[in-house]
Amino acid sequence: MAQAMRRQSSISLFATDGKPHPLQDALLAVTLVLGAVAFVTAFFHNLHLLSSWTGLIGILTGAYGQFISVTTRERFALIIGLGASAIGFYLGMAHGGLFGG
C-alpha cells in the first residue's frame, strides 16, 4: 500500500500524472478560447459567421483533444469547451450558417 500514500511533489492544473503534456494543453486552451468566443458571439444575430466558424473549429479541436487526452482534468475542461463550442455553432447555424444566408 505504499503506492497509495505516495506524496505528489508538484500539483499541476492540467496534468495529474506529473508529466508535461504540451500538445494536450495547447488543444485545451484553443478549445476553451474558441468555445468562449463562439458562445458569446452566438447571442448576436449579426455575428453568425464568427460564431458558427469558431464553434465548428472548437468542436474539431476539442474532439481531437479528447482523442489524445491523457488525464481526467484535460478531459473535463475539454468537455466544457466542447459544450460552449457546440452551443455557439448551433446558434450560429440557426442565425444564418457558415456562409451567410
Protein backbone atom coordinates (compact mmCIF):
# COMPACT_ATOMS: atom_id res chain seq x y z
CA MET A 1 0.00 0.00 0.00
CA ALA A 2 2.99 2.31 -0.27
CA GLN A 3 1.77 3.41 -3.68
CA ALA A 4 -1.47 4.77 -2.25
CA MET A 5 0.37 7.01 0.18
CA ARG A 6 2.74 8.45 -2.41
CA ARG A 7 3.10 12.18 -1.99
CA GLN A 8 2.65 14.43 -5.02
CA SER A 9 5.55 16.84 -5.27
CA SER A 10 4.01 19.17 -7.85
CA ILE A 11 0.37 19.84 -8.46
CA SER A 12 -0.42 20.92 -11.99
CA LEU A 13 -3.64 22.38 -13.27
CA PHE A 14 -3.75 20.14 -16.33
CA ALA A 15 -1.55 17.10 -15.73
CA THR A 16 -2.29 14.90 -12.72
CA ASP A 17 0.34 12.33 -13.60
CA GLY A 18 3.27 14.71 -13.13
CA LYS A 19 4.32 14.65 -16.79
CA PRO A 20 4.09 17.59 -19.20
CA HIS A 21 1.51 17.39 -21.97
CA PRO A 22 2.17 20.41 -24.21
CA LEU A 23 0.03 19.31 -27.18
CA GLN A 24 -2.94 18.41 -24.99
CA ASP A 25 -2.63 21.67 -23.05
CA ALA A 26 -2.48 23.68 -26.28
CA LEU A 27 -5.57 21.94 -27.66
CA LEU A 28 -7.32 22.53 -24.34
CA ALA A 29 -6.53 26.25 -24.40
CA VAL A 30 -7.57 26.63 -28.04
CA THR A 31 -10.82 24.76 -27.44
CA LEU A 32 -11.69 26.85 -24.40
CA VAL A 33 -10.97 30.15 -26.18
CA LEU A 34 -12.88 29.15 -29.30
CA GLY A 35 -15.76 27.88 -27.18
CA ALA A 36 -15.94 31.15 -25.25
CA VAL A 37 -15.87 33.22 -28.44
CA ALA A 38 -18.49 31.04 -30.13
CA PHE A 39 -20.75 31.07 -27.08
CA VAL A 40 -20.62 34.83 -26.57
CA THR A 41 -21.00 35.78 -30.23
CA ALA A 42 -23.87 33.32 -30.73
CA PHE A 43 -26.20 35.69 -28.88
CA PHE A 44 -25.72 38.40 -31.51
CA HIS A 45 -27.68 37.70 -34.68
CA ASN A 46 -25.31 39.62 -36.98
CA LEU A 47 -22.22 37.69 -35.77
CA HIS A 48 -23.43 34.31 -37.01
CA LEU A 49 -20.41 33.82 -39.28
CA LEU A 50 -17.99 34.25 -36.40
CA SER A 51 -19.96 32.07 -34.00
CA SER A 52 -20.56 29.26 -36.47
CA TRP A 53 -16.95 29.07 -37.70
CA THR A 54 -15.37 29.35 -34.24
CA GLY A 55 -17.86 26.80 -32.97
CA LEU A 56 -17.03 24.36 -35.75
CA ILE A 57 -13.28 24.73 -35.27
CA GLY A 58 -13.74 24.45 -31.49
CA ILE A 59 -15.70 21.23 -31.92
CA LEU A 60 -12.99 19.75 -34.14
CA THR A 61 -10.09 20.74 -31.87
CA GLY A 62 -11.99 19.56 -28.80
CA ALA A 63 -12.79 16.22 -30.38
CA TYR A 64 -9.16 15.66 -31.30
CA GLY A 65 -8.11 16.78 -27.83
CA GLN A 66 -10.48 14.22 -26.32
CA PHE A 67 -9.00 11.57 -28.57
CA ILE A 68 -5.42 12.18 -27.40
CA SER A 69 -6.07 13.40 -23.84
CA VAL A 70 -4.25 11.65 -21.02
CA THR A 71 -5.67 12.95 -17.75
CA THR A 72 -9.14 13.44 -16.35
CA ARG A 73 -8.60 17.15 -15.83
CA GLU A 74 -7.86 17.61 -19.52
CA ARG A 75 -10.97 15.70 -20.48
CA PHE A 76 -13.14 17.68 -18.06
CA ALA A 77 -12.01 21.06 -19.37
CA LEU A 78 -12.28 19.86 -22.98
CA ILE A 79 -15.92 18.91 -22.39
CA ILE A 80 -16.61 22.44 -21.12
CA GLY A 81 -15.01 23.91 -24.26
CA LEU A 82 -16.79 21.43 -26.50
CA GLY A 83 -20.16 22.29 -25.00
CA ALA A 84 -19.63 26.02 -25.43
CA SER A 85 -18.41 25.48 -29.00
CA ALA A 86 -21.40 23.32 -29.84
CA ILE A 87 -23.88 25.85 -28.47
CA GLY A 88 -22.17 28.64 -30.41
CA PHE A 89 -22.06 26.53 -33.55
CA TYR A 90 -25.71 25.54 -33.45
CA LEU A 91 -26.96 29.02 -32.64
CA GLY A 92 -24.72 30.43 -35.38
CA MET A 93 -26.18 27.92 -37.81
CA ALA A 94 -29.69 28.89 -36.77
CA HIS A 95 -28.93 32.57 -37.34
CA GLY A 96 -27.53 32.19 -40.85
CA GLY A 97 -24.93 29.46 -41.10
CA LEU A 98 -21.32 29.20 -42.15
CA PHE A 99 -21.60 31.14 -45.39
CA GLY A 100 -24.36 33.64 -44.59
CA GLY A 101 -27.91 33.40 -45.60
